[in-house]
Amino acid sequence: MAKTYAVRFQCPYGDADKVLILRDRNEGLEQIQRTARRFDCPTHGVQLELPVEAKEIMGVLRPETKPMRVVATSAHKDQRRSKRIPLQIHVLVYGRVGKAASFHEETSTQIVTSHGGLLPMTAPVKVGQTLLVVNLATRKEEECRVVSVKPLDGVNKVGLAFLRLAPSFWGLNFPPLTR
């Protein structure tokens, strides 16, 4: 018998949650929880993540329906798309301040993943801004989106996400995540 599920996803950068309703599904609740799905984060765009929570919805979803009875299971906590590796890699970052002024800044990563990294920057960047990052060891270039900016001791810790898949950008083979 087909079931309906409410499935909650969290942006891997911690900024937004998204609830999807999956109707007429033949999978069980555990299978729904183990399946990564694409969802649209309003800040970071389309993400691929495992649900943090999934509930079977009993009854029909209509605006006039009374509160739904749900069957919940434990949520997957701190699920990431790739392993975080503390590693210093020298990079050159190019970007724009406003519409006219451009900047470049040499810095080193603090953490890398197969989907981006974390690095200190003094340039004024904003979440959602696009930057060009050059790995100085390999000379590879990759466009990234700023996904977090956290001030710390006069510099910003800037979280970056690649705009496209770039698993070899850091010159590493990333180990699979153990779940």
N, C-alpha and C. Protein backbone atom coordinates (compact mmCIF):
# COMPACT_ATOMS: atom_id res chain seq x y z
N MET A 1 0.83 -1.17 0.00
CA MET A 1 0.00 0.00 0.00
C MET A 1 0.88 1.25 0.00
N ALA A 2 0.60 2.20 -0.87
CA ALA A 2 1.38 3.43 -0.98
C ALA A 2 1.18 4.29 0.26
N LYS A 3 2.28 4.96 0.66
CA LYS A 3 2.25 5.79 1.86
C LYS A 3 2.72 7.20 1.51
N THR A 4 2.42 8.12 2.42
CA THR A 4 2.87 9.51 2.27
C THR A 4 3.78 9.84 3.44
N TYR A 5 4.90 10.53 3.14
CA TYR A 5 5.88 10.87 4.16
C TYR A 5 6.15 12.37 4.16
N ALA A 6 6.39 12.91 5.34
CA ALA A 6 6.93 14.26 5.49
C ALA A 6 8.40 14.06 5.83
N VAL A 7 9.28 14.62 5.01
CA VAL A 7 10.72 14.40 5.17
C VAL A 7 11.39 15.76 5.32
N ARG A 8 12.17 15.93 6.41
CA ARG A 8 12.86 17.20 6.67
C ARG A 8 14.34 17.06 6.34
N PHE A 9 14.83 18.03 5.58
CA PHE A 9 16.24 18.08 5.21
C PHE A 9 16.85 19.34 5.81
N GLN A 10 18.14 19.29 6.10
CA GLN A 10 18.84 20.47 6.58
C GLN A 10 20.00 20.75 5.65
N CYS A 11 20.15 22.01 5.29
CA CYS A 11 21.29 22.43 4.48
C CYS A 11 22.56 22.01 5.22
N PRO A 12 23.55 21.45 4.53
CA PRO A 12 24.77 20.99 5.21
C PRO A 12 25.53 22.12 5.87
N TYR A 13 25.22 23.36 5.52
CA TYR A 13 25.89 24.51 6.11
C TYR A 13 25.09 25.06 7.28
N GLY A 14 23.99 24.40 7.64
CA GLY A 14 23.23 24.72 8.83
C GLY A 14 22.34 25.93 8.75
N ASP A 15 22.10 26.47 7.56
CA ASP A 15 21.35 27.71 7.46
C ASP A 15 19.86 27.54 7.26
N ALA A 16 19.41 26.43 6.74
CA ALA A 16 18.00 26.32 6.40
C ALA A 16 17.53 24.87 6.45
N ASP A 17 16.26 24.70 6.81
CA ASP A 17 15.60 23.41 6.75
C ASP A 17 14.58 23.44 5.62
N LYS A 18 14.29 22.28 5.06
CA LYS A 18 13.28 22.17 4.01
C LYS A 18 12.50 20.90 4.27
N VAL A 19 11.17 20.98 4.21
CA VAL A 19 10.32 19.81 4.38
C VAL A 19 9.72 19.47 3.02
N LEU A 20 9.88 18.22 2.62
CA LEU A 20 9.29 17.73 1.38
C LEU A 20 8.22 16.72 1.73
N ILE A 21 7.14 16.73 0.99
CA ILE A 21 6.09 15.73 1.14
C ILE A 21 6.26 14.73 0.00
N LEU A 22 6.46 13.48 0.35
CA LEU A 22 6.62 12.40 -0.63
C LEU A 22 5.33 11.59 -0.63
N ARG A 23 4.58 11.66 -1.71
CA ARG A 23 3.27 11.00 -1.79
C ARG A 23 3.38 9.69 -2.58
N ASP A 24 2.48 8.78 -2.28
CA ASP A 24 2.34 7.52 -3.01
C ASP A 24 3.66 6.76 -3.13
N ARG A 25 4.34 6.57 -1.99
CA ARG A 25 5.63 5.89 -1.98
C ARG A 25 5.44 4.45 -1.52
N ASN A 26 6.18 3.54 -2.13
CA ASN A 26 6.13 2.14 -1.74
C ASN A 26 7.25 1.75 -0.78
N GLU A 27 8.24 2.66 -0.59
CA GLU A 27 9.35 2.38 0.32
C GLU A 27 8.88 2.44 1.76
N GLY A 28 9.63 1.76 2.63
CA GLY A 28 9.37 1.84 4.06
C GLY A 28 10.04 3.07 4.63
N LEU A 29 9.72 3.40 5.88
CA LEU A 29 10.24 4.59 6.53
C LEU A 29 11.77 4.56 6.63
N GLU A 30 12.34 3.42 6.97
CA GLU A 30 13.80 3.33 7.08
C GLU A 30 14.48 3.56 5.73
N GLN A 31 13.91 3.06 4.67
CA GLN A 31 14.49 3.28 3.34
C GLN A 31 14.39 4.75 2.95
N ILE A 32 13.29 5.40 3.28
CA ILE A 32 13.15 6.83 3.02
C ILE A 32 14.26 7.59 3.74
N GLN A 33 14.55 7.22 4.99
CA GLN A 33 15.59 7.91 5.77
C GLN A 33 17.00 7.65 5.24
N ARG A 34 17.22 6.54 4.59
CA ARG A 34 18.57 6.21 4.09
C ARG A 34 18.81 6.71 2.67
N THR A 35 17.84 7.38 2.07
CA THR A 35 17.98 7.82 0.69
C THR A 35 18.24 9.31 0.62
N ALA A 36 19.38 9.68 0.07
CA ALA A 36 19.71 11.10 -0.13
C ALA A 36 18.82 11.65 -1.24
N ARG A 37 18.35 12.85 -1.06
CA ARG A 37 17.48 13.50 -2.05
C ARG A 37 17.93 14.94 -2.26
N ARG A 38 17.57 15.45 -3.42
CA ARG A 38 17.87 16.85 -3.73
C ARG A 38 16.76 17.73 -3.19
N PHE A 39 17.16 18.86 -2.61
CA PHE A 39 16.21 19.86 -2.16
C PHE A 39 16.83 21.23 -2.36
N ASP A 40 16.00 22.24 -2.40
CA ASP A 40 16.46 23.58 -2.71
C ASP A 40 16.60 24.41 -1.44
N CYS A 41 17.84 24.72 -1.06
CA CYS A 41 18.11 25.62 0.05
C CYS A 41 18.00 27.05 -0.48
N PRO A 42 17.26 27.93 0.17
CA PRO A 42 17.11 29.29 -0.35
C PRO A 42 18.41 30.08 -0.39
N THR A 43 19.40 29.71 0.42
CA THR A 43 20.67 30.42 0.45
C THR A 43 21.71 29.79 -0.47
N HIS A 44 21.80 28.45 -0.46
CA HIS A 44 22.90 27.76 -1.13
C HIS A 44 22.49 27.00 -2.38
N GLY A 45 21.23 27.06 -2.76
CA GLY A 45 20.78 26.37 -3.96
C GLY A 45 20.52 24.90 -3.71
N VAL A 46 20.54 24.12 -4.77
CA VAL A 46 20.19 22.71 -4.69
C VAL A 46 21.26 21.95 -3.91
N GLN A 47 20.82 21.15 -2.95
CA GLN A 47 21.70 20.34 -2.13
C GLN A 47 21.26 18.88 -2.24
N LEU A 48 22.18 17.98 -1.97
CA LEU A 48 21.89 16.54 -1.94
C LEU A 48 22.24 16.05 -0.55
N GLU A 49 21.25 15.65 0.23
CA GLU A 49 21.47 15.26 1.62
C GLU A 49 20.55 14.12 2.02
N LEU A 50 20.90 13.48 3.13
CA LEU A 50 20.02 12.52 3.77
C LEU A 50 19.03 13.29 4.64
N PRO A 51 17.83 12.76 4.83
CA PRO A 51 16.88 13.44 5.71
C PRO A 51 17.39 13.46 7.15
N VAL A 52 17.07 14.52 7.88
CA VAL A 52 17.35 14.55 9.32
C VAL A 52 16.16 14.01 10.10
N GLU A 53 15.01 13.96 9.43
CA GLU A 53 13.82 13.43 10.07
C GLU A 53 12.84 12.99 8.99
N ALA A 54 12.14 11.90 9.25
CA ALA A 54 11.11 11.43 8.32
C ALA A 54 9.94 10.91 9.13
N LYS A 55 8.74 11.24 8.67
CA LYS A 55 7.52 10.81 9.36
C LYS A 55 6.53 10.30 8.34
N GLU A 56 5.88 9.20 8.69
CA GLU A 56 4.79 8.72 7.86
C GLU A 56 3.56 9.52 8.23
N ILE A 57 2.89 10.04 7.21
CA ILE A 57 1.69 10.84 7.44
C ILE A 57 0.49 9.95 7.19
N MET A 58 -0.34 9.86 8.20
CA MET A 58 -1.55 9.05 8.09
C MET A 58 -2.68 9.94 7.62
N GLY A 59 -3.41 9.52 6.62
CA GLY A 59 -4.55 10.30 6.15
C GLY A 59 -4.20 11.12 4.94
N VAL A 60 -5.13 11.91 4.50
CA VAL A 60 -5.00 12.70 3.28
C VAL A 60 -4.55 14.10 3.64
N LEU A 61 -3.67 14.68 2.83
CA LEU A 61 -3.20 16.05 3.05
C LEU A 61 -4.12 17.03 2.35
N ARG A 62 -4.93 17.71 3.11
CA ARG A 62 -5.78 18.76 2.56
C ARG A 62 -5.75 19.92 3.54
N PRO A 63 -5.94 21.14 3.08
CA PRO A 63 -5.91 22.27 4.00
C PRO A 63 -6.90 22.15 5.14
N GLU A 64 -8.07 21.53 4.90
CA GLU A 64 -9.09 21.46 5.94
C GLU A 64 -8.89 20.26 6.87
N THR A 65 -7.84 19.46 6.65
CA THR A 65 -7.61 18.27 7.46
C THR A 65 -7.21 18.66 8.87
N LYS A 66 -7.68 17.90 9.86
CA LYS A 66 -7.30 18.11 11.25
C LYS A 66 -5.83 17.74 11.41
N PRO A 67 -5.20 18.05 12.55
CA PRO A 67 -3.79 17.70 12.75
C PRO A 67 -3.54 16.23 12.45
N MET A 68 -2.42 15.98 11.80
CA MET A 68 -2.11 14.62 11.35
C MET A 68 -1.44 13.81 12.44
N ARG A 69 -1.74 12.54 12.46
CA ARG A 69 -1.03 11.61 13.33
C ARG A 69 0.24 11.22 12.58
N VAL A 70 1.37 11.25 13.26
CA VAL A 70 2.62 10.92 12.59
C VAL A 70 3.32 9.81 13.36
N VAL A 71 4.10 9.05 12.63
CA VAL A 71 4.93 8.01 13.21
C VAL A 71 6.36 8.44 12.94
N ALA A 72 7.10 8.73 13.99
CA ALA A 72 8.46 9.26 13.82
C ALA A 72 9.49 8.20 14.14
N THR A 73 10.65 8.33 13.53
CA THR A 73 11.79 7.49 13.88
C THR A 73 12.94 8.41 14.18
N SER A 74 14.03 7.86 14.68
CA SER A 74 15.16 8.70 15.04
C SER A 74 15.75 9.37 13.81
N ALA A 75 16.23 10.57 13.99
CA ALA A 75 16.79 11.35 12.89
C ALA A 75 18.28 11.04 12.76
N HIS A 76 18.80 11.18 11.57
CA HIS A 76 20.24 11.08 11.34
C HIS A 76 20.84 12.40 11.76
N LYS A 77 21.80 12.39 12.65
CA LYS A 77 22.41 13.62 13.12
C LYS A 77 23.76 13.83 12.45
N ASP A 78 24.06 15.08 12.15
CA ASP A 78 25.33 15.52 11.60
C ASP A 78 25.75 14.72 10.37
N GLN A 79 24.83 14.49 9.45
CA GLN A 79 25.15 13.81 8.21
C GLN A 79 25.80 14.80 7.25
N ARG A 80 26.88 14.45 6.66
CA ARG A 80 27.58 15.32 5.72
C ARG A 80 27.76 14.58 4.42
N ARG A 81 27.96 15.36 3.35
CA ARG A 81 28.16 14.75 2.04
C ARG A 81 29.55 14.18 1.90
N SER A 82 30.53 14.77 2.59
CA SER A 82 31.90 14.28 2.50
C SER A 82 32.63 14.57 3.80
N LYS A 83 33.70 13.83 4.02
CA LYS A 83 34.48 13.94 5.24
C LYS A 83 35.24 15.27 5.29
N ARG A 84 35.28 15.87 6.46
CA ARG A 84 36.08 17.08 6.69
C ARG A 84 37.51 16.66 7.00
N ILE A 85 38.46 17.30 6.34
CA ILE A 85 39.87 16.98 6.57
C ILE A 85 40.59 18.28 6.94
N PRO A 86 41.17 18.35 8.15
CA PRO A 86 41.94 19.55 8.50
C PRO A 86 43.24 19.55 7.69
N LEU A 87 43.40 20.54 6.82
CA LEU A 87 44.55 20.55 5.91
C LEU A 87 44.80 21.96 5.42
N GLN A 88 46.07 22.37 5.44
CA GLN A 88 46.45 23.68 4.92
C GLN A 88 46.89 23.54 3.47
N ILE A 89 46.12 24.18 2.60
CA ILE A 89 46.46 24.23 1.18
C ILE A 89 46.47 25.69 0.79
N HIS A 90 47.56 26.14 0.20
CA HIS A 90 47.67 27.55 -0.20
C HIS A 90 46.79 27.81 -1.41
N VAL A 91 45.97 28.86 -1.30
CA VAL A 91 45.04 29.21 -2.37
C VAL A 91 45.09 30.72 -2.62
N LEU A 92 44.66 31.09 -3.80
CA LEU A 92 44.46 32.48 -4.16
C LEU A 92 42.98 32.64 -4.44
N VAL A 93 42.36 33.63 -3.81
CA VAL A 93 40.92 33.83 -3.92
C VAL A 93 40.66 35.15 -4.64
N TYR A 94 39.84 35.11 -5.69
CA TYR A 94 39.46 36.30 -6.43
C TYR A 94 37.98 36.56 -6.23
N GLY A 95 37.63 37.85 -6.11
CA GLY A 95 36.23 38.20 -5.97
C GLY A 95 36.01 39.68 -6.20
N ARG A 96 34.80 40.13 -5.93
CA ARG A 96 34.43 41.53 -6.09
C ARG A 96 33.82 42.06 -4.81
N VAL A 97 34.10 43.33 -4.54
CA VAL A 97 33.45 44.04 -3.45
C VAL A 97 32.49 45.00 -4.13
N GLY A 98 31.21 44.77 -3.99
CA GLY A 98 30.24 45.58 -4.71
C GLY A 98 30.27 45.22 -6.19
N LYS A 99 29.93 46.19 -7.03
CA LYS A 99 29.87 45.92 -8.47
C LYS A 99 31.14 46.31 -9.20
N ALA A 100 31.98 47.13 -8.59
CA ALA A 100 33.13 47.65 -9.32
C ALA A 100 34.46 47.09 -8.83
N ALA A 101 34.75 47.23 -7.57
CA ALA A 101 36.08 46.90 -7.05
C ALA A 101 36.28 45.39 -6.96
N SER A 102 37.42 44.95 -7.44
CA SER A 102 37.76 43.54 -7.34
C SER A 102 38.89 43.37 -6.33
N PHE A 103 39.07 42.15 -5.85
CA PHE A 103 40.16 41.87 -4.91
C PHE A 103 40.73 40.50 -5.21
N HIS A 104 41.91 40.27 -4.71
CA HIS A 104 42.48 38.93 -4.65
C HIS A 104 43.20 38.82 -3.32
N GLU A 105 43.17 37.63 -2.76
CA GLU A 105 43.76 37.41 -1.44
C GLU A 105 44.39 36.03 -1.41
N GLU A 106 45.63 35.98 -0.94
CA GLU A 106 46.30 34.69 -0.76
C GLU A 106 46.06 34.24 0.68
N THR A 107 45.66 33.00 0.85
CA THR A 107 45.37 32.45 2.17
C THR A 107 45.59 30.94 2.11
N SER A 108 45.31 30.26 3.20
CA SER A 108 45.43 28.80 3.26
C SER A 108 44.18 28.22 3.87
N THR A 109 43.76 27.07 3.37
CA THR A 109 42.58 26.41 3.92
C THR A 109 42.87 25.94 5.33
N GLN A 110 41.80 25.79 6.11
CA GLN A 110 41.90 25.17 7.43
C GLN A 110 41.28 23.78 7.40
N ILE A 111 40.18 23.67 6.63
CA ILE A 111 39.48 22.39 6.47
C ILE A 111 39.10 22.27 5.00
N VAL A 112 39.22 21.06 4.44
CA VAL A 112 38.76 20.82 3.08
C VAL A 112 37.80 19.64 3.08
N THR A 113 36.88 19.65 2.11
CA THR A 113 35.99 18.53 1.85
C THR A 113 35.94 18.35 0.34
N SER A 114 35.33 17.29 -0.12
CA SER A 114 35.22 17.11 -1.56
C SER A 114 34.23 18.09 -2.17
N HIS A 115 33.51 18.84 -1.33
CA HIS A 115 32.50 19.80 -1.80
C HIS A 115 32.87 21.25 -1.54
N GLY A 116 34.04 21.51 -0.91
CA GLY A 116 34.42 22.89 -0.61
C GLY A 116 35.48 22.95 0.46
N GLY A 117 35.41 23.99 1.29
CA GLY A 117 36.40 24.13 2.34
C GLY A 117 36.12 25.31 3.24
N LEU A 118 37.00 25.49 4.23
CA LEU A 118 36.93 26.59 5.18
C LEU A 118 38.28 27.26 5.20
N LEU A 119 38.28 28.61 5.10
CA LEU A 119 39.54 29.34 5.09
C LEU A 119 39.36 30.72 5.69
N PRO A 120 40.46 31.28 6.26
CA PRO A 120 40.39 32.64 6.80
C PRO A 120 40.56 33.66 5.68
N MET A 121 39.80 34.75 5.75
CA MET A 121 39.92 35.82 4.77
C MET A 121 39.74 37.18 5.46
N THR A 122 40.45 38.18 4.94
CA THR A 122 40.26 39.54 5.43
C THR A 122 39.35 40.34 4.50
N ALA A 123 39.21 39.91 3.25
CA ALA A 123 38.34 40.61 2.29
C ALA A 123 36.89 40.53 2.76
N PRO A 124 36.12 41.59 2.55
CA PRO A 124 34.71 41.58 2.97
C PRO A 124 33.85 40.78 1.99
N VAL A 125 33.52 39.55 2.35
CA VAL A 125 32.68 38.71 1.50
C VAL A 125 31.35 38.47 2.19
N LYS A 126 30.34 38.10 1.40
CA LYS A 126 28.99 37.87 1.93
C LYS A 126 28.50 36.50 1.52
N VAL A 127 27.63 35.94 2.34
CA VAL A 127 27.01 34.65 2.02
C VAL A 127 26.27 34.78 0.68
N GLY A 128 26.47 33.80 -0.18
CA GLY A 128 25.85 33.80 -1.50
C GLY A 128 26.75 34.34 -2.59
N GLN A 129 27.80 35.04 -2.22
CA GLN A 129 28.73 35.62 -3.20
C GLN A 129 29.53 34.52 -3.89
N THR A 130 29.84 34.74 -5.17
CA THR A 130 30.65 33.79 -5.93
C THR A 130 32.10 34.26 -5.95
N LEU A 131 33.02 33.33 -5.68
CA LEU A 131 34.45 33.60 -5.69
C LEU A 131 35.14 32.60 -6.60
N LEU A 132 36.31 32.97 -7.11
CA LEU A 132 37.15 32.06 -7.85
C LEU A 132 38.32 31.68 -6.95
N VAL A 133 38.52 30.38 -6.74
CA VAL A 133 39.60 29.89 -5.88
C VAL A 133 40.60 29.15 -6.74
N VAL A 134 41.88 29.47 -6.57
CA VAL A 134 42.96 28.82 -7.30
C VAL A 134 43.81 28.04 -6.30
N ASN A 135 43.93 26.73 -6.51
CA ASN A 135 44.81 25.90 -5.70
C ASN A 135 46.23 26.17 -6.19
N LEU A 136 47.08 26.81 -5.37
CA LEU A 136 48.41 27.22 -5.82
C LEU A 136 49.35 26.04 -6.07
N ALA A 137 49.07 24.89 -5.48
CA ALA A 137 49.92 23.71 -5.71
C ALA A 137 49.65 23.08 -7.07
N THR A 138 48.37 23.03 -7.45
CA THR A 138 48.01 22.34 -8.70
C THR A 138 47.65 23.30 -9.84
N ARG A 139 47.44 24.58 -9.49
CA ARG A 139 47.00 25.63 -10.44
C ARG A 139 45.58 25.40 -10.96
N LYS A 140 44.84 24.51 -10.33
CA LYS A 140 43.44 24.31 -10.71
C LYS A 140 42.61 25.46 -10.18
N GLU A 141 41.58 25.84 -10.94
CA GLU A 141 40.67 26.92 -10.56
C GLU A 141 39.27 26.35 -10.41
N GLU A 142 38.53 26.91 -9.45
CA GLU A 142 37.15 26.46 -9.25
C GLU A 142 36.32 27.62 -8.71
N GLU A 143 35.12 27.77 -9.28
CA GLU A 143 34.19 28.76 -8.75
C GLU A 143 33.50 28.18 -7.52
N CYS A 144 33.35 29.03 -6.50
CA CYS A 144 32.75 28.62 -5.25
C CYS A 144 31.71 29.65 -4.82
N ARG A 145 30.79 29.19 -4.00
CA ARG A 145 29.80 30.08 -3.39
C ARG A 145 30.16 30.20 -1.92
N VAL A 146 30.10 31.41 -1.38
CA VAL A 146 30.31 31.62 0.05
C VAL A 146 29.06 31.12 0.77
N VAL A 147 29.24 30.18 1.69
CA VAL A 147 28.10 29.60 2.40
C VAL A 147 28.06 29.99 3.87
N SER A 148 29.17 30.50 4.38
CA SER A 148 29.17 31.01 5.75
C SER A 148 30.30 32.00 5.93
N VAL A 149 30.08 32.98 6.78
CA VAL A 149 31.10 33.97 7.14
C VAL A 149 31.00 34.17 8.64
N LYS A 150 32.06 33.82 9.37
CA LYS A 150 32.06 33.95 10.82
C LYS A 150 33.28 34.77 11.25
N PRO A 151 33.06 35.98 11.80
CA PRO A 151 34.18 36.81 12.26
C PRO A 151 34.90 36.14 13.43
N LEU A 152 36.24 36.19 13.41
CA LEU A 152 37.03 35.62 14.49
C LEU A 152 38.40 36.29 14.51
N ASP A 153 38.70 37.00 15.56
CA ASP A 153 40.02 37.63 15.76
C ASP A 153 40.47 38.47 14.57
N GLY A 154 39.61 39.34 14.08
CA GLY A 154 39.99 40.27 13.01
C GLY A 154 39.95 39.72 11.60
N VAL A 155 39.66 38.45 11.46
CA VAL A 155 39.49 37.85 10.12
C VAL A 155 38.15 37.13 10.10
N ASN A 156 37.74 36.72 8.92
CA ASN A 156 36.52 35.94 8.78
C ASN A 156 36.86 34.51 8.44
N LYS A 157 36.20 33.58 9.11
CA LYS A 157 36.28 32.18 8.69
C LYS A 157 35.20 32.02 7.63
N VAL A 158 35.62 31.70 6.42
CA VAL A 158 34.71 31.67 5.28
C VAL A 158 34.53 30.23 4.82
N GLY A 159 33.28 29.77 4.81
CA GLY A 159 32.94 28.45 4.29
C GLY A 159 32.59 28.57 2.82
N LEU A 160 33.20 27.71 2.00
CA LEU A 160 32.98 27.73 0.55
C LEU A 160 32.41 26.40 0.08
N ALA A 161 31.54 26.47 -0.93
CA ALA A 161 31.00 25.27 -1.58
C ALA A 161 31.25 25.41 -3.07
N PHE A 162 31.80 24.36 -3.68
CA PHE A 162 32.02 24.37 -5.12
C PHE A 162 30.69 24.50 -5.85
N LEU A 163 30.68 25.26 -6.94
CA LEU A 163 29.46 25.41 -7.74
C LEU A 163 29.19 24.17 -8.58
N ARG A 164 30.21 23.39 -8.84
CA ARG A 164 30.05 22.14 -9.58
C ARG A 164 30.91 21.09 -8.91
N LEU A 165 30.66 19.83 -9.21
CA LEU A 165 31.47 18.76 -8.62
C LEU A 165 32.93 18.94 -9.00
N ALA A 166 33.80 18.88 -8.01
CA ALA A 166 35.23 19.04 -8.24
C ALA A 166 36.00 18.17 -7.25
N PRO A 167 35.79 16.85 -7.28
CA PRO A 167 36.38 15.98 -6.26
C PRO A 167 37.91 15.97 -6.24
N SER A 168 38.56 16.34 -7.33
CA SER A 168 40.03 16.30 -7.35
C SER A 168 40.67 17.67 -7.14
N PHE A 169 39.88 18.69 -6.87
CA PHE A 169 40.42 20.06 -6.77
C PHE A 169 41.52 20.18 -5.72
N TRP A 170 41.34 19.54 -4.57
CA TRP A 170 42.34 19.66 -3.51
C TRP A 170 43.51 18.69 -3.69
N GLY A 171 43.45 17.83 -4.70
CA GLY A 171 44.54 16.88 -4.94
C GLY A 171 44.50 15.70 -3.97
N LEU A 172 43.32 15.38 -3.45
CA LEU A 172 43.17 14.29 -2.48
C LEU A 172 42.13 13.29 -2.97
N ASN A 173 42.24 12.08 -2.48
CA ASN A 173 41.17 11.09 -2.62
C ASN A 173 40.45 11.06 -1.30
N PHE A 174 39.22 11.53 -1.28
CA PHE A 174 38.48 11.61 -0.03
C PHE A 174 37.94 10.26 0.36
N PRO A 175 38.10 9.89 1.65
CA PRO A 175 37.57 8.60 2.10
C PRO A 175 36.04 8.68 2.13
N PRO A 176 35.37 7.55 1.94
CA PRO A 176 33.91 7.55 2.03
C PRO A 176 33.49 7.83 3.46
N LEU A 177 32.30 8.40 3.62
CA LEU A 177 31.76 8.63 4.95
C LEU A 177 31.32 7.30 5.52
N THR A 178 31.59 7.09 6.81
CA THR A 178 31.09 5.90 7.48
C THR A 178 29.81 6.28 8.19
N ARG A 179 28.77 5.55 7.94
CA ARG A 179 27.46 5.88 8.51
C ARG A 179 27.11 4.89 9.58
